[in-house]
Amino acid sequence: MSQPVIRTLDLTKWYGRNRGVEGLDLEVGPGEIVGYLGPNGAGKTTTIRLLLGLIRPTRGSAELFGLDVRRRGTEARRRVGYLPGGLRLYESLSGRELLDYFGSLRGQRDRALEARLADRLDLDLTREIRTLSHGTKQKVGLVAALGAAPDLLILDEPTTGLDPLVQLTLFELLAEVRAEGRSVFLSSHVLPEAERACDRVAFIREGRLVAVEGIAAFKARAVRQISFEFAEAVPADAFAGLPGVTAVRADGTSVTCSVAGPVDAVAKEAARHTVLSLASAEPSLEDLFLAQYREAADAA
């Protein structure tokens, strides 16, 4: 079995009496994109700072490429590209000057790759950082993180401030990183980002891992709300008991079903009636976390 790119064992950080994260056991393999999902304040950034050795754990350990980040952190970080949340850059430098500076600190860079990345992200590296919008500064940070072709990318809320087209380009770049056998650890509180980019997702809530699973399994477990408006009244009993249906609410000609997994049975039943309109709503990320949390508590 290949050595994990990231491995944590009982990784825990307390800030006095306040828990940052506790008991994290997590692995990321070579050529894998793992989404680290949770509401703001769940412990995502604390985890990333622990992985990079920027703060010390209360207990437990974190390894990058088999290297303990407390004892051999400098060696491990040479193979990492990092985009922090709340990115701050040197305002008086141009984008190119900033990359020159980062390259000198790192001791390695690929100018040709940086130029290709800037072109794909539609980024003008000659402009001073102070003149750039928040989204354009985020592009500079992405070029800095990807520009040395690191073996591991650690990205904290990477799509912040990016317009939809640039987000698509970023997802293409991440897919290319994966195809080259390199890994990505991506924190987010936006569910569609993980669905689009990741192989697996790790859910964190209030500093604890709730679940780690593949995207396909995650989608199969997700409960969505499907609402129908029919030409005539349809009783709730027509949908209750169908495979995957967990709840039904009927009000005259309106019917709303909560469905876990495939919606084929519900669609076929709806087709037996005259459908005037329908709407499908994905669950909120917080709803999914709460469902995962309840399942974990029931299993304990």
Protein backbone atom coordinates (compact mmCIF):
# COMPACT_ATOMS: atom_id res chain seq x y z
CA MET A 1 0.00 0.00 0.00
CA SER A 2 1.27 3.49 -0.88
CA GLN A 3 2.37 5.70 1.98
CA PRO A 4 -0.29 8.31 2.86
CA VAL A 5 0.49 11.86 1.85
CA ILE A 6 -1.33 13.09 4.97
CA ARG A 7 -1.85 11.05 8.11
CA THR A 8 -3.11 12.24 11.47
CA LEU A 9 -3.43 10.15 14.62
CA ASP A 10 -5.55 11.44 17.52
CA LEU A 11 -4.68 14.97 16.40
CA THR A 12 -6.01 17.36 19.03
CA LYS A 13 -5.72 21.08 19.73
CA TRP A 14 -7.26 22.87 22.69
CA TYR A 15 -7.10 26.64 23.16
CA GLY A 16 -7.35 26.79 26.94
CA ARG A 17 -10.82 25.42 27.66
CA ASN A 18 -11.95 25.82 24.05
CA ARG A 19 -11.64 22.90 21.68
CA GLY A 20 -10.11 23.54 18.28
CA VAL A 21 -10.09 19.95 17.05
CA GLU A 22 -10.04 16.64 18.90
CA GLY A 23 -9.14 13.06 18.05
CA LEU A 24 -8.67 13.50 14.30
CA ASP A 25 -7.69 10.28 12.50
CA LEU A 26 -7.45 11.06 8.80
CA GLU A 27 -5.48 9.92 5.76
CA VAL A 28 -5.07 11.34 2.25
CA GLY A 29 -3.51 9.11 -0.38
CA PRO A 30 -1.37 9.91 -3.43
CA GLY A 31 -3.36 11.26 -6.36
CA GLU A 32 -6.42 11.93 -4.22
CA ILE A 33 -8.51 15.05 -3.71
CA VAL A 34 -10.12 15.12 -0.28
CA GLY A 35 -12.63 17.78 0.66
CA TYR A 36 -12.61 18.90 4.28
CA LEU A 37 -16.12 20.14 4.90
CA GLY A 38 -17.66 21.98 7.78
CA PRO A 39 -19.41 25.19 8.80
CA ASN A 40 -17.32 28.22 9.62
CA GLY A 41 -15.67 27.68 13.00
CA ALA A 42 -15.81 23.88 12.78
CA GLY A 43 -12.02 23.49 13.01
CA LYS A 44 -10.93 23.35 9.37
CA THR A 45 -8.30 26.09 9.56
CA THR A 46 -6.99 24.79 12.89
CA THR A 47 -6.47 21.39 11.25
CA ILE A 48 -4.56 22.94 8.36
CA ARG A 49 -2.31 24.92 10.69
CA LEU A 50 -1.55 21.74 12.60
CA LEU A 51 -0.74 19.91 9.37
CA LEU A 52 1.72 22.62 8.40
CA GLY A 53 3.32 22.76 11.84
CA LEU A 54 2.27 26.38 12.30
CA ILE A 55 0.79 25.55 15.71
CA ARG A 56 1.58 22.71 18.10
CA PRO A 57 -0.99 20.04 18.92
CA THR A 58 -2.17 19.44 22.46
CA ARG A 59 -1.73 15.75 21.73
CA GLY A 60 -1.56 13.37 18.79
CA SER A 61 0.51 13.66 15.64
CA ALA A 62 0.42 14.77 12.02
CA GLU A 63 2.61 13.48 9.20
CA LEU A 64 3.18 14.70 5.65
CA PHE A 65 4.84 12.14 3.35
CA GLY A 66 5.64 10.07 6.42
CA LEU A 67 7.48 12.98 8.07
CA ASP A 68 6.40 14.20 11.49
CA VAL A 69 5.56 17.88 10.99
CA ARG A 70 6.92 18.86 14.40
CA ARG A 71 10.33 17.26 13.95
CA ARG A 72 10.80 17.47 10.17
CA GLY A 73 8.35 20.18 9.21
CA THR A 74 10.71 22.21 7.01
CA GLU A 75 11.54 19.15 4.92
CA ALA A 76 7.86 18.22 4.57
CA ARG A 77 6.69 21.74 3.68
CA ARG A 78 9.07 21.92 0.71
CA ARG A 79 6.70 19.52 -1.03
CA VAL A 80 3.54 21.48 -0.18
CA GLY A 81 1.72 24.31 -1.92
CA TYR A 82 -0.47 26.27 0.49
CA LEU A 83 -3.27 28.77 -0.01
CA PRO A 84 -4.41 30.17 3.36
CA GLY A 85 -7.89 31.39 4.12
CA GLY A 86 -8.09 35.14 4.57
CA LEU A 87 -5.13 35.57 2.20
CA ARG A 88 -2.84 38.53 2.95
CA LEU A 89 -0.17 39.64 0.44
CA TYR A 90 2.52 42.33 0.30
CA GLU A 91 0.55 45.23 -1.15
CA SER A 92 3.52 47.21 -2.53
CA LEU A 93 4.75 44.35 -4.77
CA SER A 94 3.52 43.33 -8.16
CA GLY A 95 2.28 39.80 -8.69
CA ARG A 96 5.53 38.85 -10.42
CA GLU A 97 7.67 40.40 -7.67
CA LEU A 98 5.68 38.49 -5.09
CA LEU A 99 6.27 35.20 -6.93
CA ASP A 100 9.98 36.06 -7.18
CA TYR A 101 10.08 36.59 -3.43
CA PHE A 102 8.23 33.37 -2.64
CA GLY A 103 10.45 31.49 -5.07
CA SER A 104 13.58 32.75 -3.34
CA LEU A 105 12.24 31.63 0.03
CA ARG A 106 11.26 28.22 -1.28
CA GLY A 107 14.45 27.69 -3.24
CA GLN A 108 12.59 26.20 -6.19
CA ARG A 109 10.11 27.39 -8.79
CA ASP A 110 8.92 26.88 -12.34
CA ARG A 111 8.59 30.25 -14.09
CA ALA A 112 7.09 28.70 -17.20
CA LEU A 113 4.41 26.96 -15.13
CA GLU A 114 3.67 30.19 -13.26
CA ALA A 115 3.18 31.97 -16.59
CA ARG A 116 0.83 29.25 -17.86
CA LEU A 117 -1.18 29.35 -14.67
CA ALA A 118 -1.47 33.15 -14.80
CA ASP A 119 -2.64 32.92 -18.40
CA ARG A 120 -5.28 30.32 -17.62
CA LEU A 121 -6.53 32.34 -14.66
CA ASP A 122 -6.49 35.56 -16.73
CA LEU A 123 -4.09 37.19 -14.28
CA ASP A 124 -1.87 40.18 -15.05
CA LEU A 125 1.26 39.69 -12.93
CA THR A 126 2.62 43.19 -13.67
CA ARG A 127 0.02 44.97 -11.54
CA GLU A 128 0.69 45.94 -7.94
CA ILE A 129 -1.15 43.87 -5.36
CA ARG A 130 -2.70 47.00 -3.85
CA THR A 131 -4.59 47.67 -7.11
CA LEU A 132 -6.16 44.20 -7.32
CA SER A 133 -9.65 43.11 -6.33
CA HIS A 134 -10.13 40.46 -3.67
CA GLY A 135 -10.78 37.80 -6.30
CA THR A 136 -7.70 38.76 -8.31
CA LYS A 137 -5.53 38.59 -5.18
CA GLN A 138 -6.90 35.08 -4.70
CA LYS A 139 -5.64 34.22 -8.20
CA VAL A 140 -2.15 35.39 -7.22
CA GLY A 141 -2.31 33.12 -4.19
CA LEU A 142 -3.35 30.20 -6.36
CA VAL A 143 -0.46 30.73 -8.77
CA ALA A 144 1.92 30.89 -5.82
CA ALA A 145 0.50 27.63 -4.40
CA LEU A 146 0.43 25.69 -7.70
CA GLY A 147 3.45 27.25 -9.35
CA ALA A 148 6.12 24.92 -7.96
CA ALA A 149 4.12 21.80 -8.92
CA PRO A 150 4.00 20.59 -5.30
CA ASP A 151 3.25 16.99 -4.40
CA LEU A 152 0.51 18.20 -2.06
CA LEU A 153 -1.79 21.19 -2.30
CA ILE A 154 -3.44 22.42 0.89
CA LEU A 155 -6.13 24.92 -0.01
CA ASP A 156 -8.24 26.75 2.57
CA GLU A 157 -11.50 27.99 0.98
CA PRO A 158 -9.81 28.37 -2.45
CA THR A 159 -12.81 29.68 -4.42
CA THR A 160 -13.38 32.69 -2.16
CA GLY A 161 -13.89 35.75 -4.35
CA LEU A 162 -13.53 33.88 -7.64
CA ASP A 163 -16.14 34.31 -10.34
CA PRO A 164 -17.83 31.14 -11.70
CA LEU A 165 -15.65 30.91 -14.83
CA VAL A 166 -12.44 31.12 -12.81
CA GLN A 167 -13.82 28.52 -10.42
CA LEU A 168 -14.28 26.17 -13.39
CA THR A 169 -10.65 26.77 -14.40
CA LEU A 170 -9.52 26.01 -10.85
CA PHE A 171 -11.40 22.71 -10.84
CA GLU A 172 -9.77 21.82 -14.17
CA LEU A 173 -6.34 22.56 -12.68
CA LEU A 174 -7.08 20.39 -9.64
CA ALA A 175 -8.16 17.52 -11.88
CA GLU A 176 -4.85 17.83 -13.72
CA VAL A 177 -2.96 17.76 -10.41
CA ARG A 178 -4.76 14.54 -9.50
CA ALA A 179 -4.07 13.01 -12.92
CA GLU A 180 -0.36 13.62 -12.34
CA GLY A 181 -0.53 11.60 -9.10
CA ARG A 182 -0.35 14.60 -6.81
CA SER A 183 -2.77 15.21 -3.93
CA VAL A 184 -5.10 17.97 -2.79
CA PHE A 185 -6.56 18.70 0.65
CA LEU A 186 -9.30 21.27 0.15
CA SER A 187 -11.28 22.86 2.95
CA SER A 188 -14.67 24.33 2.20
CA HIS A 189 -18.11 25.04 3.57
CA VAL A 190 -19.63 24.96 0.05
CA LEU A 191 -21.04 21.53 -0.79
CA PRO A 192 -21.10 21.83 -4.63
CA GLU A 193 -17.33 22.46 -4.64
CA ALA A 194 -16.71 19.10 -3.01
CA GLU A 195 -19.15 17.30 -5.29
CA ARG A 196 -17.40 18.72 -8.33
CA ALA A 197 -13.77 18.33 -7.34
CA CYS A 198 -13.28 15.67 -4.68
CA ASP A 199 -12.86 11.91 -4.49
CA ARG A 200 -13.71 11.74 -0.80
CA VAL A 201 -15.09 14.12 1.79
CA ALA A 202 -14.34 14.41 5.49
CA PHE A 203 -17.03 16.06 7.62
CA ILE A 204 -15.97 18.05 10.66
CA ARG A 205 -18.36 19.59 13.14
CA GLU A 206 -17.45 21.32 16.39
CA GLY A 207 -13.86 20.10 16.10
CA ARG A 208 -14.64 16.41 15.60
CA LEU A 209 -14.67 14.25 12.50
CA VAL A 210 -18.22 13.07 11.92
CA ALA A 211 -17.59 10.88 8.87
CA VAL A 212 -15.16 10.26 6.02
CA GLU A 213 -16.59 8.78 2.83
CA GLY A 214 -16.49 8.73 -0.96
CA ILE A 215 -18.53 11.21 -2.95
CA ALA A 216 -20.74 8.48 -4.45
CA ALA A 217 -21.61 7.13 -1.00
CA PHE A 218 -22.19 10.66 0.24
CA LYS A 219 -24.65 11.43 -2.56
CA ALA A 220 -26.48 8.16 -1.98
CA ARG A 221 -27.02 9.14 1.66
CA ALA A 222 -28.07 12.73 0.99
CA VAL A 223 -31.75 13.57 1.51
CA ARG A 224 -33.25 16.01 -0.95
CA GLN A 225 -36.63 17.74 -1.03
CA ILE A 226 -38.66 17.25 -4.22
CA SER A 227 -41.82 19.34 -4.57
CA PHE A 228 -44.56 18.74 -7.14
CA GLU A 229 -47.51 20.85 -8.19
CA PHE A 230 -50.17 18.63 -9.77
CA ALA A 231 -53.24 19.48 -11.81
CA GLU A 232 -55.37 17.65 -9.26
CA ALA A 233 -55.02 16.70 -5.62
CA VAL A 234 -52.75 13.71 -5.01
CA PRO A 235 -52.79 11.95 -1.62
CA ALA A 236 -49.59 11.56 0.38
CA ASP A 237 -50.17 7.81 0.41
CA ALA A 238 -49.28 7.70 -3.29
CA PHE A 239 -45.65 8.44 -2.36
CA ALA A 240 -45.37 7.16 1.20
CA GLY A 241 -43.55 3.84 1.32
CA LEU A 242 -41.76 4.27 -2.01
CA PRO A 243 -38.05 3.30 -1.97
CA GLY A 244 -35.97 6.11 -0.53
CA VAL A 245 -38.92 8.24 0.61
CA THR A 246 -38.46 9.24 4.25
CA ALA A 247 -41.30 11.77 4.57
CA VAL A 248 -44.21 13.13 2.53
CA ARG A 249 -46.24 16.30 2.95
CA ALA A 250 -49.40 16.85 0.84
CA ASP A 251 -51.43 20.05 0.73
CA GLY A 252 -54.11 20.00 -1.93
CA THR A 253 -52.38 19.82 -5.29
CA SER A 254 -48.90 20.28 -3.76
CA VAL A 255 -46.79 17.32 -2.62
CA THR A 256 -43.29 17.47 -1.14
CA CYS A 257 -41.21 14.32 -0.69
CA SER A 258 -37.99 13.85 1.28
CA VAL A 259 -35.94 11.34 -0.71
CA ALA A 260 -32.65 9.63 0.18
CA GLY A 261 -30.68 8.23 -2.76
CA PRO A 262 -32.15 7.57 -6.25
CA VAL A 263 -35.41 9.36 -7.09
CA ASP A 264 -36.52 6.93 -9.81
CA ALA A 265 -39.51 5.53 -7.88
CA VAL A 266 -40.77 9.01 -6.99
CA ALA A 267 -40.40 10.22 -10.60
CA LYS A 268 -42.34 7.23 -11.93
CA GLU A 269 -45.16 7.74 -9.44
CA ALA A 270 -45.34 11.47 -10.25
CA ALA A 271 -45.55 10.63 -13.98
CA ARG A 272 -48.85 8.81 -13.31
CA HIS A 273 -50.39 12.23 -12.62
CA THR A 274 -50.42 15.55 -14.47
CA VAL A 275 -47.38 17.50 -13.22
CA LEU A 276 -47.60 21.27 -13.60
CA SER A 277 -44.22 22.02 -12.03
CA LEU A 278 -41.53 20.50 -9.89
CA ALA A 279 -38.56 21.69 -7.88
CA SER A 280 -35.68 19.78 -6.30
CA ALA A 281 -33.76 21.29 -3.40
CA GLU A 282 -30.45 19.87 -2.20
CA PRO A 283 -30.09 19.79 1.58
CA SER A 284 -28.04 22.50 3.20
CA LEU A 285 -24.55 21.56 4.30
CA GLU A 286 -25.52 22.09 7.92
CA ASP A 287 -28.47 19.70 7.52
CA LEU A 288 -26.12 17.04 6.20
CA PHE A 289 -23.73 17.56 9.08
CA LEU A 290 -26.53 17.26 11.59
CA ALA A 291 -27.72 14.04 9.96
CA GLN A 292 -24.20 12.62 10.00
CA TYR A 293 -23.75 13.73 13.60
CA ARG A 294 -26.97 12.01 14.71
CA GLU A 295 -25.94 8.80 12.93
CA ALA A 296 -22.55 8.87 14.63
CA ALA A 297 -24.19 9.46 18.03
CA ASP A 298 -26.63 6.59 17.45
CA ALA A 299 -23.75 4.25 16.55
CA ALA A 300 -21.72 5.21 19.63
